[in-house]
Amino acid sequence: MLEKKRRQTRHLPAFILLVLAQEPRHGGAIHDALVKRLPGLKIDTGAIYRALKTLEADGELSSVWDASTPGPARKIYHMTAKGWDRLDSWKSEIENRRAILGDFLAAYAGLSRP
């Protein structure tokens, strides 16, 4: 079970960066955007906040508190230059993985069961 969860969240930082590259958002809005974009993926809210904390600690995100709306203040996350570089790196890694998986699927399609 733990292995399945790890696989589901392996690329979570990439998807968080992708969502934030479109516009700055607070944690709840990031979750909502991810659920909308990845309906088949069960995304734990806690995993999102842990990833945000790591991304911010690594300098890939910055944040500011927004108290301009009614209710509690919200932490708004923004991409940094380092975040954009990391997003580029994720793109390359995912393209490579996609090519390898495509090769697997092509080889599999050529198989016939005895």
PDB file of N, CA and C in Angstrom:
ATOM      1  N   MET A   1       0.820  -1.208   0.000  1.00  0.00           N
ATOM      2  CA  MET A   1       0.000   0.000   0.000  1.00  0.00           C
ATOM      3  C   MET A   1       0.859   1.266   0.000  1.00  0.00           C
ATOM      4  N   LEU A   2       1.909   1.265   0.825  1.00  0.00           N
ATOM      5  CA  LEU A   2       2.797   2.414   0.881  1.00  0.00           C
ATOM      6  C   LEU A   2       3.469   2.642  -0.475  1.00  0.00           C
ATOM      7  N   GLU A   3       3.849   1.565  -1.147  1.00  0.00           N
ATOM      8  CA  GLU A   3       4.485   1.675  -2.469  1.00  0.00           C
ATOM      9  C   GLU A   3       3.540   2.347  -3.460  1.00  0.00           C
ATOM     10  N   LYS A   4       2.256   1.991  -3.413  1.00  0.00           N
ATOM     11  CA  LYS A   4       1.276   2.598  -4.316  1.00  0.00           C
ATOM     12  C   LYS A   4       1.172   4.099  -4.049  1.00  0.00           C
ATOM     13  N   LYS A   5       1.137   4.499  -2.772  1.00  0.00           N
ATOM     14  CA  LYS A   5       1.071   5.918  -2.439  1.00  0.00           C
ATOM     15  C   LYS A   5       2.302   6.662  -2.945  1.00  0.00           C
ATOM     16  N   ARG A   6       3.481   6.047  -2.783  1.00  0.00           N
ATOM     17  CA  ARG A   6       4.706   6.673  -3.256  1.00  0.00           C
ATOM     18  C   ARG A   6       4.655   6.901  -4.758  1.00  0.00           C
ATOM     19  N   ARG A   7       4.170   5.902  -5.482  1.00  0.00           N
ATOM     20  CA  ARG A   7       4.094   6.031  -6.936  1.00  0.00           C
ATOM     21  C   ARG A   7       3.126   7.138  -7.317  1.00  0.00           C
ATOM     22  N   GLN A   8       2.029   7.266  -6.586  1.00  0.00           N
ATOM     23  CA  GLN A   8       1.041   8.284  -6.930  1.00  0.00           C
ATOM     24  C   GLN A   8       1.558   9.693  -6.662  1.00  0.00           C
ATOM     25  N   THR A   9       2.479   9.842  -5.714  1.00  0.00           N
ATOM     26  CA  THR A   9       2.945  11.186  -5.375  1.00  0.00           C
ATOM     27  C   THR A   9       4.346  11.473  -5.905  1.00  0.00           C
ATOM     28  N   ARG A  10       4.936  10.541  -6.621  1.00  0.00           N
ATOM     29  CA  ARG A  10       6.294  10.730  -7.128  1.00  0.00           C
ATOM     30  C   ARG A  10       6.430  12.022  -7.933  1.00  0.00           C
ATOM     31  N   HIS A  11       5.469  12.302  -8.773  1.00  0.00           N
ATOM     32  CA  HIS A  11       5.520  13.486  -9.631  1.00  0.00           C
ATOM     33  C   HIS A  11       4.686  14.648  -9.088  1.00  0.00           C
ATOM     34  N   LEU A  12       4.223  14.529  -7.861  1.00  0.00           N
ATOM     35  CA  LEU A  12       3.413  15.594  -7.278  1.00  0.00           C
ATOM     36  C   LEU A  12       4.119  16.946  -7.314  1.00  0.00           C
ATOM     37  N   PRO A  13       5.403  17.039  -6.950  1.00  0.00           N
ATOM     38  CA  PRO A  13       6.056  18.352  -7.047  1.00  0.00           C
ATOM     39  C   PRO A  13       6.029  18.922  -8.469  1.00  0.00           C
ATOM     40  N   ALA A  14       6.156  18.059  -9.466  1.00  0.00           N
ATOM     41  CA  ALA A  14       6.108  18.529 -10.857  1.00  0.00           C
ATOM     42  C   ALA A  14       4.746  19.132 -11.177  1.00  0.00           C
ATOM     43  N   PHE A  15       3.684  18.447 -10.736  1.00  0.00           N
ATOM     44  CA  PHE A  15       2.348  18.961 -11.010  1.00  0.00           C
ATOM     45  C   PHE A  15       2.057  20.233 -10.222  1.00  0.00           C
ATOM     46  N   ILE A  16       2.570  20.320  -9.014  1.00  0.00           N
ATOM     47  CA  ILE A  16       2.402  21.548  -8.228  1.00  0.00           C
ATOM     48  C   ILE A  16       3.099  22.706  -8.940  1.00  0.00           C
ATOM     49  N   LEU A  17       4.328  22.486  -9.380  1.00  0.00           N
ATOM     50  CA  LEU A  17       5.047  23.548 -10.103  1.00  0.00           C
ATOM     51  C   LEU A  17       4.313  23.940 -11.376  1.00  0.00           C
ATOM     52  N   LEU A  18       3.767  22.961 -12.083  1.00  0.00           N
ATOM     53  CA  LEU A  18       3.035  23.245 -13.313  1.00  0.00           C
ATOM     54  C   LEU A  18       1.818  24.127 -13.035  1.00  0.00           C
ATOM     55  N   VAL A  19       1.078  23.804 -11.992  1.00  0.00           N
ATOM     56  CA  VAL A  19      -0.106  24.596 -11.619  1.00  0.00           C
ATOM     57  C   VAL A  19       0.307  26.012 -11.222  1.00  0.00           C
ATOM     58  N   LEU A  20       1.389  26.120 -10.452  1.00  0.00           N
ATOM     59  CA  LEU A  20       1.827  27.445 -10.012  1.00  0.00           C
ATOM     60  C   LEU A  20       2.481  28.246 -11.133  1.00  0.00           C
ATOM     61  N   ALA A  21       2.959  27.578 -12.161  1.00  0.00           N
ATOM     62  CA  ALA A  21       3.514  28.291 -13.319  1.00  0.00           C
ATOM     63  C   ALA A  21       2.406  29.042 -14.054  1.00  0.00           C
ATOM     64  N   GLN A  22       1.186  28.544 -13.928  1.00  0.00           N
ATOM     65  CA  GLN A  22       0.049  29.200 -14.579  1.00  0.00           C
ATOM     66  C   GLN A  22      -0.376  30.449 -13.821  1.00  0.00           C
ATOM     67  N   GLU A  23      -0.364  30.363 -12.483  1.00  0.00           N
ATOM     68  CA  GLU A  23      -0.682  31.521 -11.648  1.00  0.00           C
ATOM     69  C   GLU A  23      -0.410  31.181 -10.188  1.00  0.00           C
ATOM     70  N   PRO A  24      -0.056  32.195  -9.387  1.00  0.00           N
ATOM     71  CA  PRO A  24       0.134  31.962  -7.951  1.00  0.00           C
ATOM     72  C   PRO A  24      -1.184  31.507  -7.313  1.00  0.00           C
ATOM     73  N   ARG A  25      -1.093  30.627  -6.321  1.00  0.00           N
ATOM     74  CA  ARG A  25      -2.288  30.111  -5.658  1.00  0.00           C
ATOM     75  C   ARG A  25      -1.968  29.752  -4.214  1.00  0.00           C
ATOM     76  N   HIS A  26      -3.020  29.606  -3.416  1.00  0.00           N
ATOM     77  CA  HIS A  26      -2.866  29.101  -2.055  1.00  0.00           C
ATOM     78  C   HIS A  26      -3.059  27.584  -2.084  1.00  0.00           C
ATOM     79  N   GLY A  27      -2.721  26.928  -0.999  1.00  0.00           N
ATOM     80  CA  GLY A  27      -2.745  25.474  -0.943  1.00  0.00           C
ATOM     81  C   GLY A  27      -4.057  24.837  -1.360  1.00  0.00           C
ATOM     82  N   GLY A  28      -5.171  25.375  -0.884  1.00  0.00           N
ATOM     83  CA  GLY A  28      -6.476  24.812  -1.257  1.00  0.00           C
ATOM     84  C   GLY A  28      -6.756  24.941  -2.744  1.00  0.00           C
ATOM     85  N   ALA A  29      -6.374  26.052  -3.329  1.00  0.00           N
ATOM     86  CA  ALA A  29      -6.574  26.248  -4.775  1.00  0.00           C
ATOM     87  C   ALA A  29      -5.647  25.337  -5.581  1.00  0.00           C
ATOM     88  N   ILE A  30      -4.453  25.069  -5.048  1.00  0.00           N
ATOM     89  CA  ILE A  30      -3.542  24.126  -5.709  1.00  0.00           C
ATOM     90  C   ILE A  30      -4.179  22.745  -5.704  1.00  0.00           C
ATOM     91  N   HIS A  31      -4.708  22.338  -4.562  1.00  0.00           N
ATOM     92  CA  HIS A  31      -5.381  21.032  -4.455  1.00  0.00           C
ATOM     93  C   HIS A  31      -6.525  20.939  -5.458  1.00  0.00           C
ATOM     94  N   ASP A  32      -7.368  21.965  -5.502  1.00  0.00           N
ATOM     95  CA  ASP A  32      -8.519  21.960  -6.415  1.00  0.00           C
ATOM     96  C   ASP A  32      -8.072  21.857  -7.873  1.00  0.00           C
ATOM     97  N   ALA A  33      -7.027  22.587  -8.233  1.00  0.00           N
ATOM     98  CA  ALA A  33      -6.520  22.548  -9.614  1.00  0.00           C
ATOM     99  C   ALA A  33      -5.968  21.162  -9.947  1.00  0.00           C
ATOM    100  N   LEU A  34      -5.287  20.538  -8.987  1.00  0.00           N
ATOM    101  CA  LEU A  34      -4.739  19.205  -9.220  1.00  0.00           C
ATOM    102  C   LEU A  34      -5.843  18.161  -9.354  1.00  0.00           C
ATOM    103  N   VAL A  35      -6.863  18.256  -8.521  1.00  0.00           N
ATOM    104  CA  VAL A  35      -7.986  17.316  -8.605  1.00  0.00           C
ATOM    105  C   VAL A  35      -8.679  17.452  -9.955  1.00  0.00           C
ATOM    106  N   LYS A  36      -8.831  18.683 -10.423  1.00  0.00           N
ATOM    107  CA  LYS A  36      -9.468  18.919 -11.718  1.00  0.00           C
ATOM    108  C   LYS A  36      -8.600  18.389 -12.865  1.00  0.00           C
ATOM    109  N   ARG A  37      -7.279  18.614 -12.778  1.00  0.00           N
ATOM    110  CA  ARG A  37      -6.365  18.212 -13.839  1.00  0.00           C
ATOM    111  C   ARG A  37      -6.099  16.712 -13.831  1.00  0.00           C
ATOM    112  N   LEU A  38      -6.098  16.092 -12.653  1.00  0.00           N
ATOM    113  CA  LEU A  38      -5.737  14.679 -12.505  1.00  0.00           C
ATOM    114  C   LEU A  38      -6.849  13.909 -11.791  1.00  0.00           C
ATOM    115  N   PRO A  39      -8.015  13.781 -12.416  1.00  0.00           N
ATOM    116  CA  PRO A  39      -9.156  13.186 -11.710  1.00  0.00           C
ATOM    117  C   PRO A  39      -8.933  11.741 -11.272  1.00  0.00           C
ATOM    118  N   GLY A  40      -8.073  11.015 -11.930  1.00  0.00           N
ATOM    119  CA  GLY A  40      -7.833   9.620 -11.562  1.00  0.00           C
ATOM    120  C   GLY A  40      -6.838   9.443 -10.437  1.00  0.00           C
ATOM    121  N   LEU A  41      -6.195  10.505 -10.015  1.00  0.00           N
ATOM    122  CA  LEU A  41      -5.164  10.437  -8.983  1.00  0.00           C
ATOM    123  C   LEU A  41      -5.750  10.876  -7.650  1.00  0.00           C
ATOM    124  N   LYS A  42      -5.611  10.041  -6.655  1.00  0.00           N
ATOM    125  CA  LYS A  42      -6.076  10.406  -5.315  1.00  0.00           C
ATOM    126  C   LYS A  42      -4.975  11.240  -4.659  1.00  0.00           C
ATOM    127  N   ILE A  43      -5.256  12.505  -4.447  1.00  0.00           N
ATOM    128  CA  ILE A  43      -4.252  13.424  -3.935  1.00  0.00           C
ATOM    129  C   ILE A  43      -4.575  13.773  -2.490  1.00  0.00           C
ATOM    130  N   ASP A  44      -3.679  13.402  -1.617  1.00  0.00           N
ATOM    131  CA  ASP A  44      -3.800  13.698  -0.194  1.00  0.00           C
ATOM    132  C   ASP A  44      -3.417  15.153   0.043  1.00  0.00           C
ATOM    133  N   THR A  45      -4.288  15.898   0.704  1.00  0.00           N
ATOM    134  CA  THR A  45      -4.016  17.306   0.976  1.00  0.00           C
ATOM    135  C   THR A  45      -2.722  17.468   1.765  1.00  0.00           C
ATOM    136  N   GLY A  46      -2.502  16.568   2.715  1.00  0.00           N
ATOM    137  CA  GLY A  46      -1.274  16.634   3.499  1.00  0.00           C
ATOM    138  C   GLY A  46      -0.039  16.488   2.636  1.00  0.00           C
ATOM    139  N   ALA A  47      -0.104  15.621   1.626  1.00  0.00           N
ATOM    140  CA  ALA A  47       1.036  15.431   0.717  1.00  0.00           C
ATOM    141  C   ALA A  47       1.318  16.716  -0.057  1.00  0.00           C
ATOM    142  N   ILE A  48       0.280  17.432  -0.421  1.00  0.00           N
ATOM    143  CA  ILE A  48       0.458  18.703  -1.136  1.00  0.00           C
ATOM    144  C   ILE A  48       1.190  19.694  -0.242  1.00  0.00           C
ATOM    145  N   TYR A  49       0.740  19.817   0.995  1.00  0.00           N
ATOM    146  CA  TYR A  49       1.375  20.783   1.896  1.00  0.00           C
ATOM    147  C   TYR A  49       2.808  20.375   2.244  1.00  0.00           C
ATOM    148  N   ARG A  50       3.087  19.081   2.366  1.00  0.00           N
ATOM    149  CA  ARG A  50       4.459  18.634   2.601  1.00  0.00           C
ATOM    150  C   ARG A  50       5.336  18.975   1.383  1.00  0.00           C
ATOM    151  N   ALA A  51       4.799  18.743   0.185  1.00  0.00           N
ATOM    152  CA  ALA A  51       5.548  19.068  -1.029  1.00  0.00           C
ATOM    153  C   ALA A  51       5.780  20.574  -1.142  1.00  0.00           C
ATOM    154  N   LEU A  52       4.777  21.373  -0.815  1.00  0.00           N
ATOM    155  CA  LEU A  52       4.933  22.830  -0.856  1.00  0.00           C
ATOM    156  C   LEU A  52       6.031  23.282   0.103  1.00  0.00           C
ATOM    157  N   LYS A  53       6.044  22.701   1.286  1.00  0.00           N
ATOM    158  CA  LYS A  53       7.064  23.055   2.282  1.00  0.00           C
ATOM    159  C   LYS A  53       8.464  22.723   1.753  1.00  0.00           C
ATOM    160  N   THR A  54       8.604  21.562   1.143  1.00  0.00           N
ATOM    161  CA  THR A  54       9.897  21.158   0.580  1.00  0.00           C
ATOM    162  C   THR A  54      10.298  22.053  -0.587  1.00  0.00           C
ATOM    163  N   LEU A  55       9.353  22.315  -1.491  1.00  0.00           N
ATOM    164  CA  LEU A  55       9.641  23.173  -2.646  1.00  0.00           C
ATOM    165  C   LEU A  55      10.063  24.571  -2.198  1.00  0.00           C
ATOM    166  N   GLU A  56       9.413  25.069  -1.162  1.00  0.00           N
ATOM    167  CA  GLU A  56       9.768  26.396  -0.659  1.00  0.00           C
ATOM    168  C   GLU A  56      11.142  26.357   0.026  1.00  0.00           C
ATOM    169  N   ALA A  57      11.403  25.317   0.811  1.00  0.00           N
ATOM    170  CA  ALA A  57      12.705  25.179   1.479  1.00  0.00           C
ATOM    171  C   ALA A  57      13.829  25.053   0.463  1.00  0.00           C
ATOM    172  N   ASP A  58      13.550  24.429  -0.677  1.00  0.00           N
ATOM    173  CA  ASP A  58      14.550  24.263  -1.733  1.00  0.00           C
ATOM    174  C   ASP A  58      14.694  25.503  -2.608  1.00  0.00           C
ATOM    175  N   GLY A  59      13.886  26.537  -2.353  1.00  0.00           N
ATOM    176  CA  GLY A  59      13.985  27.778  -3.108  1.00  0.00           C
ATOM    177  C   GLY A  59      13.253  27.765  -4.432  1.00  0.00           C
ATOM    178  N   GLU A  60      12.441  26.742  -4.663  1.00  0.00           N
ATOM    179  CA  GLU A  60      11.711  26.651  -5.930  1.00  0.00           C
ATOM    180  C   GLU A  60      10.398  27.431  -5.899  1.00  0.00           C
ATOM    181  N   LEU A  61       9.942  27.741  -4.690  1.00  0.00           N
ATOM    182  CA  LEU A  61       8.748  28.551  -4.488  1.00  0.00           C
ATOM    183  C   LEU A  61       9.044  29.618  -3.451  1.00  0.00           C
ATOM    184  N   SER A  62       8.306  30.700  -3.536  1.00  0.00           N
ATOM    185  CA  SER A  62       8.291  31.693  -2.469  1.00  0.00           C
ATOM    186  C   SER A  62       6.826  31.869  -2.082  1.00  0.00           C
ATOM    187  N   SER A  63       6.586  32.506  -0.960  1.00  0.00           N
ATOM    188  CA  SER A  63       5.199  32.688  -0.539  1.00  0.00           C
ATOM    189  C   SER A  63       5.030  34.013   0.179  1.00  0.00           C
ATOM    190  N   VAL A  64       3.800  34.487   0.154  1.00  0.00           N
ATOM    191  CA  VAL A  64       3.404  35.679   0.902  1.00  0.00           C
ATOM    192  C   VAL A  64       2.051  35.386   1.532  1.00  0.00           C
ATOM    193  N   TRP A  65       1.818  36.009   2.668  1.00  0.00           N
ATOM    194  CA  TRP A  65       0.522  35.853   3.321  1.00  0.00           C
ATOM    195  C   TRP A  65      -0.438  36.889   2.761  1.00  0.00           C
ATOM    196  N   ASP A  66      -1.637  36.438   2.410  1.00  0.00           N
ATOM    197  CA  ASP A  66      -2.677  37.321   1.878  1.00  0.00           C
ATOM    198  C   ASP A  66      -3.821  37.370   2.886  1.00  0.00           C
ATOM    199  N   ALA A  67      -4.024  38.528   3.467  1.00  0.00           N
ATOM    200  CA  ALA A  67      -5.110  38.709   4.428  1.00  0.00           C
ATOM    201  C   ALA A  67      -6.168  39.661   3.876  1.00  0.00           C
ATOM    202  N   SER A  68      -6.186  39.819   2.553  1.00  0.00           N
ATOM    203  CA  SER A  68      -7.076  40.804   1.938  1.00  0.00           C
ATOM    204  C   SER A  68      -8.516  40.307   1.774  1.00  0.00           C
ATOM    205  N   THR A  69      -8.746  39.019   1.961  1.00  0.00           N
ATOM    206  CA  THR A  69     -10.099  38.483   1.823  1.00  0.00           C
ATOM    207  C   THR A  69     -10.637  38.111   3.198  1.00  0.00           C
ATOM    208  N   PRO A  70     -11.954  38.045   3.336  1.00  0.00           N
ATOM    209  CA  PRO A  70     -12.524  37.645   4.628  1.00  0.00           C
ATOM    210  C   PRO A  70     -12.049  36.246   5.024  1.00  0.00           C
ATOM    211  N   GLY A  71     -11.973  36.007   6.312  1.00  0.00           N
ATOM    212  CA  GLY A  71     -11.529  34.710   6.797  1.00  0.00           C
ATOM    213  C   GLY A  71     -10.047  34.733   7.112  1.00  0.00           C
ATOM    214  N   PRO A  72      -9.511  33.564   7.377  1.00  0.00           N
ATOM    215  CA  PRO A  72      -8.092  33.505   7.744  1.00  0.00           C
ATOM    216  C   PRO A  72      -7.184  33.884   6.571  1.00  0.00           C
ATOM    217  N   ALA A  73      -6.006  34.376   6.917  1.00  0.00           N
ATOM    218  CA  ALA A  73      -5.020  34.708   5.890  1.00  0.00           C
ATOM    219  C   ALA A  73      -4.624  33.427   5.152  1.00  0.00           C
ATOM    220  N   ARG A  74      -4.291  33.585   3.892  1.00  0.00           N
ATOM    221  CA  ARG A  74      -3.870  32.447   3.066  1.00  0.00           C
ATOM    222  C   ARG A  74      -2.449  32.665   2.587  1.00  0.00           C
ATOM    223  N   LYS A  75      -1.695  31.590   2.588  1.00  0.00           N
ATOM    224  CA  LYS A  75      -0.320  31.634   2.096  1.00  0.00           C
ATOM    225  C   LYS A  75      -0.364  31.406   0.589  1.00  0.00           C
ATOM    226  N   ILE A  76       0.059  32.413  -0.166  1.00  0.00           N
ATOM    227  CA  ILE A  76       0.035  32.354  -1.628  1.00  0.00           C
ATOM    228  C   ILE A  76       1.442  31.988  -2.102  1.00  0.00           C
ATOM    229  N   TYR A  77       1.511  30.931  -2.912  1.00  0.00           N
ATOM    230  CA  TYR A  77       2.784  30.429  -3.412  1.00  0.00           C
ATOM    231  C   TYR A  77       3.048  30.959  -4.816  1.00  0.00           C
ATOM    232  N   HIS A  78       4.313  31.322  -5.059  1.00  0.00           N
ATOM    233  CA  HIS A  78       4.771  31.855  -6.343  1.00  0.00           C
ATOM    234  C   HIS A  78       5.975  31.055  -6.806  1.00  0.00           C
ATOM    235  N   MET A  79       6.093  30.900  -8.111  1.00  0.00           N
ATOM    236  CA  MET A  79       7.272  30.270  -8.703  1.00  0.00           C
ATOM    237  C   MET A  79       8.471  31.207  -8.567  1.00  0.00           C
ATOM    238  N   THR A  80       9.649  30.620  -8.383  1.00  0.00           N
ATOM    239  CA  THR A  80      10.901  31.373  -8.422  1.00  0.00           C
ATOM    240  C   THR A  80      11.659  30.938  -9.687  1.00  0.00           C
ATOM    241  N   ALA A  81      12.756  31.611  -9.969  1.00  0.00           N
ATOM    242  CA  ALA A  81      13.577  31.213 -11.116  1.00  0.00           C
ATOM    243  C   ALA A  81      14.050  29.772 -10.941  1.00  0.00           C
ATOM    244  N   LYS A  82      14.402  29.405  -9.716  1.00  0.00           N
ATOM    245  CA  LYS A  82      14.833  28.035  -9.445  1.00  0.00           C
ATOM    246  C   LYS A  82      13.673  27.058  -9.683  1.00  0.00           C
ATOM    247  N   GLY A  83      12.461  27.482  -9.369  1.00  0.00           N
ATOM    248  CA  GLY A  83      11.281  26.651  -9.626  1.00  0.00           C
ATOM    249  C   GLY A  83      11.073  26.422 -11.115  1.00  0.00           C
ATOM    250  N   TRP A  84      11.270  27.475 -11.899  1.00  0.00           N
ATOM    251  CA  TRP A  84      11.147  27.331 -13.357  1.00  0.00           C
ATOM    252  C   TRP A  84      12.203  26.367 -13.888  1.00  0.00           C
ATOM    253  N   ASP A  85      13.424  26.463 -13.350  1.00  0.00           N
ATOM    254  CA  ASP A  85      14.487  25.540 -13.765  1.00  0.00           C
ATOM    255  C   ASP A  85      14.119  24.103 -13.406  1.00  0.00           C
ATOM    256  N   ARG A  86      13.561  23.916 -12.227  1.00  0.00           N
ATOM    257  CA  ARG A  86      13.170  22.572 -11.799  1.00  0.00           C
ATOM    258  C   ARG A  86      12.025  22.055 -12.659  1.00  0.00           C
ATOM    259  N   LEU A  87      11.090  22.924 -13.038  1.00  0.00           N
ATOM    260  CA  LEU A  87       9.992  22.518 -13.912  1.00  0.00           C
ATOM    261  C   LEU A  87      10.539  22.068 -15.265  1.00  0.00           C
ATOM    262  N   ASP A  88      11.535  22.787 -15.785  1.00  0.00           N
ATOM    263  CA  ASP A  88      12.195  22.364 -17.032  1.00  0.00           C
ATOM    264  C   ASP A  88      12.816  20.981 -16.877  1.00  0.00           C
ATOM    265  N   SER A  89      13.425  20.748 -15.735  1.00  0.00           N
ATOM    266  CA  SER A  89      14.050  19.454 -15.457  1.00  0.00           C
ATOM    267  C   SER A  89      13.001  18.340 -15.392  1.00  0.00           C
ATOM    268  N   TRP A  90      11.876  18.626 -14.732  1.00  0.00           N
ATOM    269  CA  TRP A  90      10.779  17.649 -14.690  1.00  0.00           C
ATOM    270  C   TRP A  90      10.290  17.334 -16.097  1.00  0.00           C
ATOM    271  N   LYS A  91      10.171  18.364 -16.943  1.00  0.00           N
ATOM    272  CA  LYS A  91       9.702  18.152 -18.315  1.00  0.00           C
ATOM    273  C   LYS A  91      10.618  17.178 -19.035  1.00  0.00           C
ATOM    274  N   SER A  92      11.917  17.395 -18.925  1.00  0.00           N
ATOM    275  CA  SER A  92      12.881  16.500 -19.583  1.00  0.00           C
ATOM    276  C   SER A  92      12.779  15.085 -19.046  1.00  0.00           C
ATOM    277  N   GLU A  93      12.684  14.961 -17.735  1.00  0.00           N
ATOM    278  CA  GLU A  93      12.577  13.633 -17.128  1.00  0.00           C
ATOM    279  C   GLU A  93      11.306  12.912 -17.571  1.00  0.00           C
ATOM    280  N   ILE A  94      10.199  13.621 -17.620  1.00  0.00           N
ATOM    281  CA  ILE A  94       8.922  13.013 -18.011  1.00  0.00           C
ATOM    282  C   ILE A  94       8.933  12.651 -19.496  1.00  0.00           C
ATOM    283  N   GLU A  95       9.535  13.504 -20.337  1.00  0.00           N
ATOM    284  CA  GLU A  95       9.652  13.157 -21.758  1.00  0.00           C
ATOM    285  C   GLU A  95      10.465  11.880 -21.937  1.00  0.00           C
ATOM    286  N   ASN A  96      11.548  11.752 -21.195  1.00  0.00           N
ATOM    287  CA  ASN A  96      12.382  10.558 -21.271  1.00  0.00           C
ATOM    288  C   ASN A  96      11.607   9.322 -20.805  1.00  0.00           C
ATOM    289  N   ARG A  97      10.921   9.450 -19.692  1.00  0.00           N
ATOM    290  CA  ARG A  97      10.127   8.333 -19.170  1.00  0.00           C
ATOM    291  C   ARG A  97       9.026   7.946 -20.161  1.00  0.00           C
ATOM    292  N   ARG A  98       8.412   8.960 -20.769  1.00  0.00           N
ATOM    293  CA  ARG A  98       7.351   8.707 -21.756  1.00  0.00           C
ATOM    294  C   ARG A  98       7.893   7.924 -22.956  1.00  0.00           C
ATOM    295  N   ALA A  99       9.091   8.281 -23.413  1.00  0.00           N
ATOM    296  CA  ALA A  99       9.709   7.572 -24.538  1.00  0.00           C
ATOM    297  C   ALA A  99       9.999   6.121 -24.173  1.00  0.00           C
ATOM    298  N   ILE A 100      10.518   5.905 -22.982  1.00  0.00           N
ATOM    299  CA  ILE A 100      10.817   4.544 -22.534  1.00  0.00           C
ATOM    300  C   ILE A 100       9.530   3.723 -22.417  1.00  0.00           C
ATOM    301  N   LEU A 101       8.501   4.315 -21.856  1.00  0.00           N
ATOM    302  CA  LEU A 101       7.224   3.610 -21.731  1.00  0.00           C
ATOM    303  C   LEU A 101       6.609   3.350 -23.102  1.00  0.00           C
ATOM    304  N   GLY A 102       6.786   4.277 -24.039  1.00  0.00           N
ATOM    305  CA  GLY A 102       6.312   4.063 -25.409  1.00  0.00           C
ATOM    306  C   GLY A 102       7.011   2.887 -26.059  1.00  0.00           C
ATOM    307  N   ASP A 103       8.323   2.771 -25.821  1.00  0.00           N
ATOM    308  CA  ASP A 103       9.068   1.623 -26.341  1.00  0.00           C
ATOM    309  C   ASP A 103       8.543   0.320 -25.751  1.00  0.00           C
ATOM    310  N   PHE A 104       8.252   0.332 -24.457  1.00  0.00           N
ATOM    311  CA  PHE A 104       7.685  -0.850 -23.810  1.00  0.00           C
ATOM    312  C   PHE A 104       6.355  -1.241 -24.456  1.00  0.00           C
ATOM    313  N   LEU A 105       5.479  -0.238 -24.624  1.00  0.00           N
ATOM    314  CA  LEU A 105       4.159  -0.520 -25.192  1.00  0.00           C
ATOM    315  C   LEU A 105       4.256  -1.019 -26.630  1.00  0.00           C
ATOM    316  N   ALA A 106       5.189  -0.470 -27.396  1.00  0.00           N
ATOM    317  CA  ALA A 106       5.376  -0.915 -28.783  1.00  0.00           C
ATOM    318  C   ALA A 106       5.868  -2.365 -28.803  1.00  0.00           C
ATOM    319  N   ALA A 107       6.798  -2.693 -27.927  1.00  0.00           N
ATOM    320  CA  ALA A 107       7.299  -4.081 -27.867  1.00  0.00           C
ATOM    321  C   ALA A 107       6.203  -5.022 -27.393  1.00  0.00           C
ATOM    322  N   TYR A 108       5.430  -4.577 -26.429  1.00  0.00           N
ATOM    323  CA  TYR A 108       4.335  -5.398 -25.905  1.00  0.00           C
ATOM    324  C   TYR A 108       3.296  -5.655 -26.998  1.00  0.00           C
ATOM    325  N   ALA A 109       2.992  -4.634 -27.794  1.00  0.00           N
ATOM    326  CA  ALA A 109       1.999  -4.791 -28.860  1.00  0.00           C
ATOM    327  C   ALA A 109       2.431  -5.839 -29.871  1.00  0.00           C
ATOM    328  N   GLY A 110       3.727  -6.058 -30.004  1.00  0.00           N
ATOM    329  CA  GLY A 110       4.229  -7.035 -30.957  1.00  0.00           C
ATOM    330  C   GLY A 110       4.270  -8.463 -30.424  1.00  0.00           C
ATOM    331  N   LEU A 111       3.912  -8.644 -29.180  1.00  0.00           N
ATOM    332  CA  LEU A 111       3.947  -9.984 -28.583  1.00  0.00           C
ATOM    333  C   LEU A 111       2.708 -10.797 -28.957  1.00  0.00           C
ATOM    334  N   SER A 112       2.876 -12.091 -28.948  1.00  0.00           N
ATOM    335  CA  SER A 112       1.713 -12.983 -29.072  1.00  0.00           C
ATOM    336  C   SER A 112       1.886 -14.079 -28.038  1.00  0.00           C
ATOM    337  N   ARG A 113       0.811 -14.401 -27.384  1.00  0.00           N
ATOM    338  CA  ARG A 113       0.862 -15.451 -26.352  1.00  0.00           C
ATOM    339  C   ARG A 113       0.988 -16.810 -27.007  1.00  0.00           C
ATOM    340  N   PRO A 114       1.802 -17.671 -26.397  1.00  0.00           N
ATOM    341  CA  PRO A 114       1.926 -19.029 -26.956  1.00  0.00           C
ATOM    342  C   PRO A 114       0.656 -19.850 -26.713  1.00  0.00           C
TER     343      PRO A 114
END
